Protein backbone atom coordinates (compact mmCIF):
# COMPACT_ATOMS: atom_id res chain seq x y z
CA UNK A 1 277.17 46.43 238.32
CA UNK A 2 276.58 42.68 238.64
CA UNK A 3 274.05 42.62 235.80
CA UNK A 4 276.36 44.59 233.51
CA UNK A 5 279.27 42.27 234.24
CA UNK A 6 277.21 39.16 233.56
CA UNK A 7 276.05 40.62 230.22
CA UNK A 8 279.65 41.30 229.20
CA UNK A 9 280.68 37.77 230.18
CA UNK A 10 277.69 36.32 228.31
CA UNK A 11 278.54 38.26 225.15
CA UNK A 12 282.15 37.09 225.34
CA UNK A 13 281.07 33.49 225.83
CA UNK A 14 278.70 33.68 222.86
CA UNK A 15 281.46 35.12 220.70
CA UNK A 16 283.92 32.36 221.64
CA UNK A 17 281.35 29.59 221.09
CA UNK A 18 280.27 31.01 217.73
CA UNK A 19 283.88 31.13 216.57
CA UNK A 20 284.49 27.57 217.74
CA UNK A 21 281.31 26.23 216.13
CA UNK A 22 282.08 28.00 212.84
CA UNK A 23 285.56 26.45 212.74
CA UNK A 24 284.23 23.04 213.76
CA UNK A 25 281.47 23.04 211.14
CA UNK A 26 283.99 23.74 208.39
CA UNK A 27 286.39 20.97 209.38
CA UNK A 28 286.33 17.24 208.80
CA UNK A 29 286.25 16.26 212.47
CA UNK A 30 285.44 17.69 215.86
CA UNK A 31 288.25 19.52 217.63
CA UNK A 32 287.27 18.26 221.09
CA UNK A 33 286.76 14.53 220.54
CA UNK A 34 289.47 12.17 219.33
CA UNK A 35 288.57 10.55 216.01
CA UNK A 36 290.81 7.60 215.09
CA UNK A 37 291.54 6.67 211.47
CA UNK A 38 289.16 4.13 209.96
CA UNK A 39 290.66 0.79 208.90
CA UNK A 40 291.05 0.23 205.15
CA UNK A 41 288.80 -2.84 205.37
CA UNK A 42 285.82 -0.55 205.98
CA UNK A 43 286.17 0.99 202.51
CA UNK A 44 284.05 -1.79 200.98
CA UNK A 45 281.08 -0.69 203.10
CA UNK A 46 281.11 2.91 201.89
CA UNK A 47 278.32 4.19 199.68
CA UNK A 48 280.69 6.09 197.42
CA UNK A 49 283.77 4.31 196.17
């Protein structure tokens, strides 16, 4: 019983994490961490203009 329950919980956790990682990889920034806007003065240091 305990082993079966832990397998179900593990599968659910894997499913949630895979969904989160797929959404995070296809977005511009991470959903967990706060990412402030870069100042306009930093534009001159970019490789692509």
